[in-house]
């Protein structure tokens, strides 16, 4: 089985995609809160873990679970 990163709707995600948060998320180890509807551009896929992507929010690179985003 080939596994790949996909958003909450099952749409395949690729390096450099733009995604939108479908839930407000608290960022661990930070006072930053990523609000519902936040657009995250130019994502990176986490190798070996199809449940996670990396993206920048307010200049901070964070790991986001794919179940909390949809393709923009």
N, C-alpha and C. Protein backbone atom coordinates (compact mmCIF):
# COMPACT_ATOMS: atom_id res chain seq x y z
N UNK A 1 0.85 -1.19 0.00
CA UNK A 1 0.00 0.00 0.00
C UNK A 1 0.88 1.24 0.00
N UNK A 2 0.60 2.12 -0.93
CA UNK A 2 1.32 3.39 -0.98
C UNK A 2 0.53 4.40 -0.17
N UNK A 3 1.15 4.95 0.85
CA UNK A 3 0.46 5.94 1.67
C UNK A 3 0.91 7.33 1.24
N UNK A 4 -0.02 8.26 1.30
CA UNK A 4 0.35 9.64 0.98
C UNK A 4 -0.41 10.60 1.89
N UNK A 5 0.09 11.81 1.96
CA UNK A 5 -0.52 12.85 2.78
C UNK A 5 -1.84 13.28 2.14
N UNK A 6 -2.89 13.36 2.95
CA UNK A 6 -4.16 13.85 2.44
C UNK A 6 -4.86 14.70 3.49
N UNK A 7 -5.70 15.62 3.01
CA UNK A 7 -6.41 16.50 3.93
C UNK A 7 -7.65 15.80 4.48
N UNK A 8 -8.43 16.54 5.24
CA UNK A 8 -9.61 15.98 5.90
C UNK A 8 -10.62 15.41 4.89
N UNK A 9 -10.63 15.93 3.68
CA UNK A 9 -11.56 15.47 2.64
C UNK A 9 -10.99 14.35 1.78
N UNK A 10 -9.76 13.93 2.08
CA UNK A 10 -9.14 12.87 1.29
C UNK A 10 -8.41 13.36 0.06
N UNK A 11 -8.26 14.67 -0.08
CA UNK A 11 -7.53 15.23 -1.22
C UNK A 11 -6.03 15.11 -0.97
N UNK A 12 -5.31 14.63 -1.96
CA UNK A 12 -3.87 14.43 -1.80
C UNK A 12 -3.14 15.77 -1.67
N UNK A 13 -2.18 15.80 -0.76
CA UNK A 13 -1.37 17.00 -0.54
C UNK A 13 0.03 16.81 -1.11
N UNK A 14 0.59 17.89 -1.63
CA UNK A 14 1.93 17.86 -2.20
C UNK A 14 2.79 18.95 -1.57
N UNK A 15 4.11 18.76 -1.65
CA UNK A 15 5.05 19.80 -1.20
C UNK A 15 4.66 21.12 -1.85
N UNK A 16 4.66 22.19 -1.06
CA UNK A 16 4.40 23.51 -1.61
C UNK A 16 2.94 23.89 -1.71
N UNK A 17 2.04 22.98 -1.35
CA UNK A 17 0.61 23.29 -1.39
C UNK A 17 0.24 24.37 -0.37
N UNK A 18 -0.92 24.95 -0.59
CA UNK A 18 -1.51 25.88 0.37
C UNK A 18 -2.69 25.18 1.02
N UNK A 19 -2.77 25.24 2.35
CA UNK A 19 -3.86 24.60 3.08
C UNK A 19 -4.52 25.60 4.02
N UNK A 20 -5.72 25.25 4.47
CA UNK A 20 -6.49 26.10 5.38
C UNK A 20 -6.86 25.28 6.61
N UNK A 21 -6.67 25.85 7.79
CA UNK A 21 -7.02 25.15 9.03
C UNK A 21 -8.54 25.08 9.18
N UNK A 22 -9.04 23.91 9.59
CA UNK A 22 -10.48 23.75 9.80
C UNK A 22 -10.82 23.75 11.28
N UNK A 23 -9.83 24.07 12.12
CA UNK A 23 -10.00 24.06 13.56
C UNK A 23 -8.97 25.00 14.15
N UNK A 24 -9.32 25.70 15.23
CA UNK A 24 -8.33 26.53 15.92
C UNK A 24 -7.42 25.62 16.72
N UNK A 25 -6.11 25.78 16.54
CA UNK A 25 -5.14 24.90 17.18
C UNK A 25 -4.22 25.68 18.09
N UNK A 26 -3.97 25.15 19.28
CA UNK A 26 -2.96 25.71 20.16
C UNK A 26 -1.63 25.08 19.80
N UNK A 27 -0.62 25.91 19.66
CA UNK A 27 0.70 25.41 19.29
C UNK A 27 1.47 25.05 20.55
N UNK A 28 1.91 23.79 20.63
CA UNK A 28 2.65 23.32 21.81
C UNK A 28 3.93 24.13 21.99
N UNK A 29 4.23 24.47 23.24
CA UNK A 29 5.47 25.18 23.54
C UNK A 29 5.49 26.61 23.08
N UNK A 30 4.29 27.18 22.86
CA UNK A 30 4.21 28.54 22.36
C UNK A 30 2.90 29.15 22.80
N UNK A 31 2.86 30.47 22.87
CA UNK A 31 1.60 31.14 23.20
C UNK A 31 0.78 31.35 21.94
N UNK A 32 1.34 30.97 20.81
CA UNK A 32 0.68 31.13 19.52
C UNK A 32 -0.54 30.22 19.42
N UNK A 33 -1.62 30.78 18.90
CA UNK A 33 -2.80 29.98 18.60
C UNK A 33 -3.10 30.15 17.12
N UNK A 34 -3.18 29.04 16.39
CA UNK A 34 -3.46 29.08 14.96
C UNK A 34 -4.98 29.03 14.79
N UNK A 35 -5.56 30.12 14.31
CA UNK A 35 -7.01 30.26 14.25
C UNK A 35 -7.63 29.47 13.09
N UNK A 36 -8.88 29.09 13.30
CA UNK A 36 -9.69 28.49 12.24
C UNK A 36 -9.64 29.40 11.01
N UNK A 37 -9.42 28.81 9.84
CA UNK A 37 -9.40 29.61 8.61
C UNK A 37 -8.03 30.17 8.26
N UNK A 38 -7.02 29.94 9.12
CA UNK A 38 -5.67 30.41 8.82
C UNK A 38 -5.15 29.70 7.57
N UNK A 39 -4.60 30.48 6.65
CA UNK A 39 -4.04 29.92 5.42
C UNK A 39 -2.56 29.65 5.66
N UNK A 40 -2.13 28.43 5.36
CA UNK A 40 -0.72 28.04 5.50
C UNK A 40 -0.20 27.75 4.10
N UNK A 41 0.77 28.56 3.64
CA UNK A 41 1.29 28.41 2.29
C UNK A 41 2.58 27.61 2.28
N UNK A 42 2.85 27.00 1.12
CA UNK A 42 4.14 26.35 0.87
C UNK A 42 4.48 25.31 1.94
N UNK A 43 3.56 24.37 2.15
CA UNK A 43 3.75 23.34 3.18
C UNK A 43 4.86 22.37 2.80
N UNK A 44 5.39 21.69 3.81
CA UNK A 44 6.34 20.60 3.60
C UNK A 44 5.71 19.33 4.18
N UNK A 45 5.87 18.24 3.46
CA UNK A 45 5.35 16.97 3.93
C UNK A 45 6.36 16.34 4.87
N UNK A 46 5.90 15.78 5.98
CA UNK A 46 6.79 15.11 6.92
C UNK A 46 7.06 13.70 6.40
N UNK A 47 8.33 13.40 6.06
CA UNK A 47 8.62 12.07 5.51
C UNK A 47 8.37 10.98 6.55
N UNK A 48 7.75 9.90 6.13
CA UNK A 48 7.54 8.77 7.03
C UNK A 48 6.36 8.93 7.97
N UNK A 49 5.65 10.04 7.87
CA UNK A 49 4.45 10.23 8.70
C UNK A 49 3.39 10.96 7.89
N UNK A 50 2.43 10.21 7.36
CA UNK A 50 1.41 10.80 6.48
C UNK A 50 0.36 11.60 7.25
N UNK A 51 0.43 11.60 8.58
CA UNK A 51 -0.53 12.37 9.38
C UNK A 51 -0.04 13.77 9.70
N UNK A 52 1.17 14.12 9.26
CA UNK A 52 1.73 15.42 9.62
C UNK A 52 2.30 16.17 8.43
N UNK A 53 2.14 17.50 8.48
CA UNK A 53 2.83 18.39 7.54
C UNK A 53 3.51 19.47 8.38
N UNK A 54 4.45 20.17 7.77
CA UNK A 54 5.05 21.32 8.41
C UNK A 54 4.64 22.56 7.64
N UNK A 55 4.36 23.62 8.39
CA UNK A 55 3.99 24.87 7.76
C UNK A 55 4.38 26.03 8.64
N UNK A 56 4.42 27.22 8.04
CA UNK A 56 4.77 28.42 8.81
C UNK A 56 3.53 29.20 9.14
N UNK A 57 3.39 29.53 10.43
CA UNK A 57 2.32 30.40 10.88
C UNK A 57 2.97 31.51 11.69
N UNK A 58 2.73 32.74 11.26
CA UNK A 58 3.33 33.92 11.91
C UNK A 58 4.84 33.76 12.07
N UNK A 59 5.48 33.24 11.02
CA UNK A 59 6.93 33.13 11.02
C UNK A 59 7.49 31.93 11.76
N UNK A 60 6.64 31.16 12.42
CA UNK A 60 7.09 29.97 13.15
C UNK A 60 6.75 28.72 12.36
N UNK A 61 7.72 27.83 12.20
CA UNK A 61 7.46 26.55 11.54
C UNK A 61 6.88 25.59 12.57
N UNK A 62 5.70 25.07 12.28
CA UNK A 62 5.05 24.14 13.20
C UNK A 62 4.61 22.89 12.45
N UNK A 63 4.41 21.82 13.22
CA UNK A 63 3.89 20.58 12.65
C UNK A 63 2.37 20.60 12.85
N UNK A 64 1.64 20.31 11.79
CA UNK A 64 0.17 20.33 11.83
C UNK A 64 -0.33 18.96 11.40
N UNK A 65 -1.31 18.44 12.12
CA UNK A 65 -1.91 17.17 11.74
C UNK A 65 -2.82 17.38 10.53
N UNK A 66 -2.74 16.47 9.58
CA UNK A 66 -3.51 16.62 8.34
C UNK A 66 -5.01 16.58 8.55
N UNK A 67 -5.47 15.97 9.67
CA UNK A 67 -6.91 15.90 9.93
C UNK A 67 -7.51 17.27 10.29
N UNK A 68 -6.65 18.26 10.51
CA UNK A 68 -7.12 19.61 10.86
C UNK A 68 -6.98 20.61 9.71
N UNK A 69 -6.81 20.10 8.50
CA UNK A 69 -6.69 21.05 7.39
C UNK A 69 -7.34 20.53 6.12
N UNK A 70 -7.61 21.50 5.26
CA UNK A 70 -8.13 21.17 3.93
C UNK A 70 -7.29 21.93 2.91
N UNK A 71 -7.23 21.38 1.72
CA UNK A 71 -6.44 22.01 0.67
C UNK A 71 -7.09 23.35 0.31
N UNK A 72 -6.26 24.37 0.13
CA UNK A 72 -6.75 25.74 -0.10
C UNK A 72 -7.17 25.97 -1.49
